[in-house]
N, C-alpha and C. Protein backbone atom coordinates (compact mmCIF):
# COMPACT_ATOMS: atom_id res chain seq x y z
N MET A 1 8.22 -1.58 12.18
CA MET A 1 8.05 -0.38 12.86
C MET A 1 9.60 0.17 13.14
N ASP A 2 10.58 -0.26 12.39
CA ASP A 2 11.70 0.43 12.32
C ASP A 2 12.16 1.70 12.12
N ALA A 3 12.80 2.50 12.57
CA ALA A 3 13.18 3.91 12.46
C ALA A 3 13.40 4.32 11.02
N SER A 4 14.17 3.35 10.34
CA SER A 4 14.51 3.50 9.00
C SER A 4 13.24 3.15 8.16
N PRO A 5 13.12 4.13 7.29
CA PRO A 5 12.01 3.81 6.18
C PRO A 5 12.10 2.71 5.27
N GLN A 6 13.48 2.50 4.90
CA GLN A 6 14.25 1.69 3.97
C GLN A 6 13.75 0.13 4.62
N VAL A 7 14.13 0.33 5.68
CA VAL A 7 13.80 -1.06 6.55
C VAL A 7 12.17 -1.35 6.52
N ARG A 8 11.49 -0.56 6.71
CA ARG A 8 9.79 -0.60 6.73
C ARG A 8 9.60 -1.11 5.04
N ILE A 9 10.17 -0.45 4.14
CA ILE A 9 9.86 -0.69 2.92
C ILE A 9 10.33 -2.25 2.55
N GLY A 10 11.25 -2.51 2.96
CA GLY A 10 11.95 -3.96 2.68
C GLY A 10 11.02 -4.86 3.56
N ALA A 11 10.43 -4.56 4.71
CA ALA A 11 9.52 -5.35 5.44
C ALA A 11 8.05 -5.52 4.43
N ILE A 12 7.85 -4.53 3.93
CA ILE A 12 6.64 -4.61 2.82
C ILE A 12 6.52 -5.49 1.74
N THR A 13 7.96 -5.40 1.25
CA THR A 13 8.25 -6.25 0.05
C THR A 13 8.11 -7.45 0.38
N ALA A 14 9.15 -8.06 1.71
CA ALA A 14 9.01 -9.42 2.01
C ALA A 14 7.82 -9.80 2.44
N LEU A 15 6.84 -9.13 3.14
CA LEU A 15 5.41 -9.47 3.24
C LEU A 15 4.71 -9.97 1.94
N MET A 16 4.99 -8.94 1.08
CA MET A 16 4.02 -9.06 -0.38
C MET A 16 4.62 -10.63 -0.76
N ASP A 17 5.78 -10.68 -0.94
CA ASP A 17 6.52 -11.75 -1.61
C ASP A 17 6.24 -13.06 -0.77
N PHE A 18 5.94 -13.09 0.47
CA PHE A 18 5.71 -14.04 1.41
C PHE A 18 4.10 -14.72 1.13
N ASN A 19 3.35 -13.70 0.78
CA ASN A 19 2.00 -13.88 0.37
C ASN A 19 1.18 -14.74 1.47
N HIS A 20 1.65 -14.40 2.76
CA HIS A 20 0.90 -15.36 3.99
C HIS A 20 -0.43 -14.35 4.01
N PRO A 21 -1.51 -15.02 4.58
CA PRO A 21 -3.03 -14.55 4.81
C PRO A 21 -2.99 -13.38 5.69
N ASP A 22 -1.92 -12.97 6.62
CA ASP A 22 -1.81 -12.03 7.45
C ASP A 22 -1.10 -10.86 6.59
N SER A 23 -0.44 -11.17 5.57
CA SER A 23 0.37 -10.05 4.93
C SER A 23 -0.56 -8.63 4.43
N ILE A 24 -1.70 -8.97 4.34
CA ILE A 24 -2.46 -7.87 3.80
C ILE A 24 -2.79 -6.92 4.96
N GLU A 25 -3.39 -7.41 5.94
CA GLU A 25 -3.44 -6.59 7.17
C GLU A 25 -2.40 -5.98 7.74
N LEU A 26 -1.12 -6.46 7.59
CA LEU A 26 0.12 -6.13 8.28
C LEU A 26 0.44 -4.91 7.22
N ILE A 27 0.55 -5.09 6.13
CA ILE A 27 0.95 -4.15 5.21
C ILE A 27 -0.24 -2.95 5.17
N LYS A 28 -1.49 -3.30 5.45
CA LYS A 28 -2.49 -1.86 5.69
C LYS A 28 -2.10 -1.10 6.68
N SER A 29 -1.37 -1.50 7.67
CA SER A 29 -1.19 -0.83 8.87
C SER A 29 0.00 0.12 8.48
N THR A 30 0.74 0.06 7.49
CA THR A 30 1.51 0.83 7.00
C THR A 30 1.26 2.09 6.11
N LEU A 31 0.05 1.97 5.93
CA LEU A 31 -0.79 2.89 4.88
C LEU A 31 -0.76 4.45 5.51
N TYR A 32 -0.56 4.66 7.04
CA TYR A 32 -0.62 5.56 7.85
C TYR A 32 0.80 6.05 8.21
N ASP A 33 1.90 5.32 7.55
CA ASP A 33 3.02 5.83 7.88
C ASP A 33 3.36 7.47 7.51
N GLU A 34 4.40 7.77 8.17
CA GLU A 34 4.82 9.23 8.22
C GLU A 34 5.78 9.46 7.03
N ASN A 35 6.08 8.27 6.18
CA ASN A 35 7.02 8.50 5.11
C ASN A 35 6.13 8.24 3.86
N SER A 36 6.24 8.99 3.08
CA SER A 36 5.39 8.66 1.57
C SER A 36 6.05 7.70 0.88
N GLU A 37 7.32 7.48 1.08
CA GLU A 37 7.72 6.20 0.16
C GLU A 37 7.16 4.95 0.80
N VAL A 38 7.22 4.75 1.84
CA VAL A 38 6.86 3.58 2.59
C VAL A 38 5.21 3.43 2.34
N ILE A 39 4.41 4.39 2.30
CA ILE A 39 3.09 4.41 1.84
C ILE A 39 2.90 4.16 0.48
N GLU A 40 3.56 4.51 -0.41
CA GLU A 40 3.41 4.07 -1.87
C GLU A 40 3.85 2.60 -2.13
N ASN A 41 4.92 2.06 -1.13
CA ASN A 41 5.25 0.98 -1.44
C ASN A 41 4.02 0.11 -0.98
N ALA A 42 3.43 0.50 0.45
CA ALA A 42 2.53 -0.26 0.70
C ALA A 42 1.12 -0.09 -0.18
N VAL A 43 0.87 0.66 -0.88
CA VAL A 43 -0.17 0.61 -1.67
C VAL A 43 0.13 -0.09 -2.92
N VAL A 44 1.21 -0.13 -3.46
CA VAL A 44 1.64 -1.06 -4.72
C VAL A 44 1.53 -2.40 -4.30
N ALA A 45 2.03 -2.84 -3.04
CA ALA A 45 2.13 -4.11 -2.42
C ALA A 45 0.67 -4.84 -2.24
N LEU A 46 0.00 -3.83 -1.82
CA LEU A 46 -1.48 -4.27 -1.76
C LEU A 46 -2.25 -4.52 -2.99
N TYR A 47 -2.20 -3.72 -3.91
CA TYR A 47 -2.60 -3.91 -5.22
C TYR A 47 -2.21 -5.20 -5.76
N ASN A 48 -0.88 -5.61 -5.74
CA ASN A 48 -0.41 -6.73 -5.94
C ASN A 48 -0.95 -7.82 -5.54
N LEU A 49 -1.31 -7.80 -4.14
CA LEU A 49 -1.73 -8.95 -3.53
C LEU A 49 -3.30 -9.05 -3.73
N SER A 50 -4.14 -7.90 -3.97
CA SER A 50 -5.54 -7.95 -3.74
C SER A 50 -6.31 -7.51 -4.99
N GLY A 51 -5.46 -6.53 -5.98
CA GLY A 51 -6.20 -6.06 -6.84
C GLY A 51 -6.80 -4.62 -6.87
N ALA A 52 -7.63 -4.33 -7.73
CA ALA A 52 -8.23 -3.04 -7.86
C ALA A 52 -9.20 -2.56 -6.78
N ASP A 53 -9.82 -3.73 -6.24
CA ASP A 53 -10.65 -3.27 -5.28
C ASP A 53 -10.11 -2.64 -4.00
N ILE A 54 -8.83 -3.09 -3.43
CA ILE A 54 -8.36 -2.53 -2.39
C ILE A 54 -7.84 -1.13 -2.77
N LEU A 55 -7.75 -0.52 -3.95
CA LEU A 55 -7.11 0.63 -4.44
C LEU A 55 -8.58 1.61 -4.28
N LEU A 56 -9.64 1.03 -4.25
CA LEU A 56 -10.96 1.56 -4.29
C LEU A 56 -11.20 1.92 -2.71
N ASP A 57 -10.91 0.82 -2.11
CA ASP A 57 -11.15 1.01 -0.81
C ASP A 57 -10.15 1.97 -0.12
N ILE A 58 -9.04 2.21 -0.40
CA ILE A 58 -7.94 2.98 0.14
C ILE A 58 -8.64 4.74 -0.50
N ILE A 59 -9.05 4.79 -1.59
CA ILE A 59 -9.47 6.07 -2.15
C ILE A 59 -10.70 6.57 -1.28
N ASN A 60 -11.59 5.41 -1.02
CA ASN A 60 -12.69 5.78 -0.07
C ASN A 60 -12.44 6.01 1.34
N ASP A 61 -11.62 5.75 1.90
CA ASP A 61 -11.17 5.63 3.31
C ASP A 61 -11.03 6.91 3.71
N GLU A 62 -11.74 7.54 4.72
CA GLU A 62 -11.67 8.67 5.19
C GLU A 62 -10.28 9.23 6.23
N LYS A 63 -9.88 8.11 6.46
CA LYS A 63 -8.71 8.20 7.32
C LYS A 63 -7.48 8.19 6.42
N SER A 64 -7.40 7.79 5.13
CA SER A 64 -6.32 7.94 4.18
C SER A 64 -6.17 9.30 3.97
N ASN A 65 -4.55 9.70 3.82
CA ASN A 65 -4.33 10.78 3.43
C ASN A 65 -4.01 11.09 1.89
N GLN A 66 -3.86 12.28 1.83
CA GLN A 66 -4.05 12.44 0.09
C GLN A 66 -2.88 11.77 -0.60
N THR A 67 -1.86 11.43 -0.10
CA THR A 67 -0.71 10.92 -0.62
C THR A 67 -1.01 9.55 -0.83
N THR A 68 -1.67 8.79 0.06
CA THR A 68 -2.17 7.53 0.01
C THR A 68 -3.26 7.49 -1.09
N LYS A 69 -4.22 8.31 -1.22
CA LYS A 69 -5.25 8.33 -2.24
C LYS A 69 -4.56 8.54 -3.70
N ASN A 70 -3.75 9.56 -3.70
CA ASN A 70 -3.23 9.86 -4.71
C ASN A 70 -2.41 8.41 -5.58
N LYS A 71 -1.61 7.97 -4.62
CA LYS A 71 -0.97 6.87 -5.44
C LYS A 71 -1.79 5.63 -5.76
N ALA A 72 -2.92 5.44 -4.90
CA ALA A 72 -4.08 4.59 -5.51
C ALA A 72 -4.65 4.67 -6.73
N GLN A 73 -5.07 6.10 -6.95
CA GLN A 73 -5.53 6.42 -7.97
C GLN A 73 -4.49 6.43 -9.21
N GLU A 74 -3.48 6.83 -9.08
CA GLU A 74 -2.46 6.53 -10.06
C GLU A 74 -2.43 5.22 -10.68
N ILE A 75 -2.08 4.31 -9.95
CA ILE A 75 -2.27 2.95 -10.17
C ILE A 75 -3.42 2.33 -10.74
N LEU A 76 -4.74 2.92 -10.41
CA LEU A 76 -6.05 2.71 -11.14
C LEU A 76 -5.93 3.13 -12.39
N ASP A 77 -5.69 4.37 -12.49
CA ASP A 77 -5.38 5.09 -13.98
C ASP A 77 -4.54 4.28 -15.00
N GLU A 78 -3.28 3.97 -14.21
CA GLU A 78 -2.44 3.11 -15.21
C GLU A 78 -2.48 1.80 -15.65
N TYR A 79 -3.04 1.13 -14.59
CA TYR A 79 -3.22 -0.62 -14.87
C TYR A 79 -4.57 -0.77 -15.09
N GLU A 80 -5.57 -0.24 -14.47
CA GLU A 80 -6.86 -0.60 -14.60
C GLU A 80 -7.63 -0.15 -15.58
N ASN A 81 -7.28 1.27 -16.31
CA ASN A 81 -8.31 1.83 -17.17
C ASN A 81 -7.59 1.47 -18.51
N ASP A 82 -7.75 0.44 -19.05
CA ASP A 82 -7.23 0.15 -20.58
C ASP A 82 -8.11 0.61 -21.53
């Protein structure tokens, strides 16, 4: 929850690399960040940790903003639709 978006992105990356059972829930909390880079990094990290199902959850989540949904759809289109 640092004021710097770069610090928040670094925390997301560290949580993804650590792959602790609590990492997914902690990263999910950043999906509602005010910074689009933080959101995009969170979506990528969640995909790396959980796979395509979490992207579908994001896309279907009424609370997710359009930036979040667009990034989730972009990853699905690029990596899951072979």
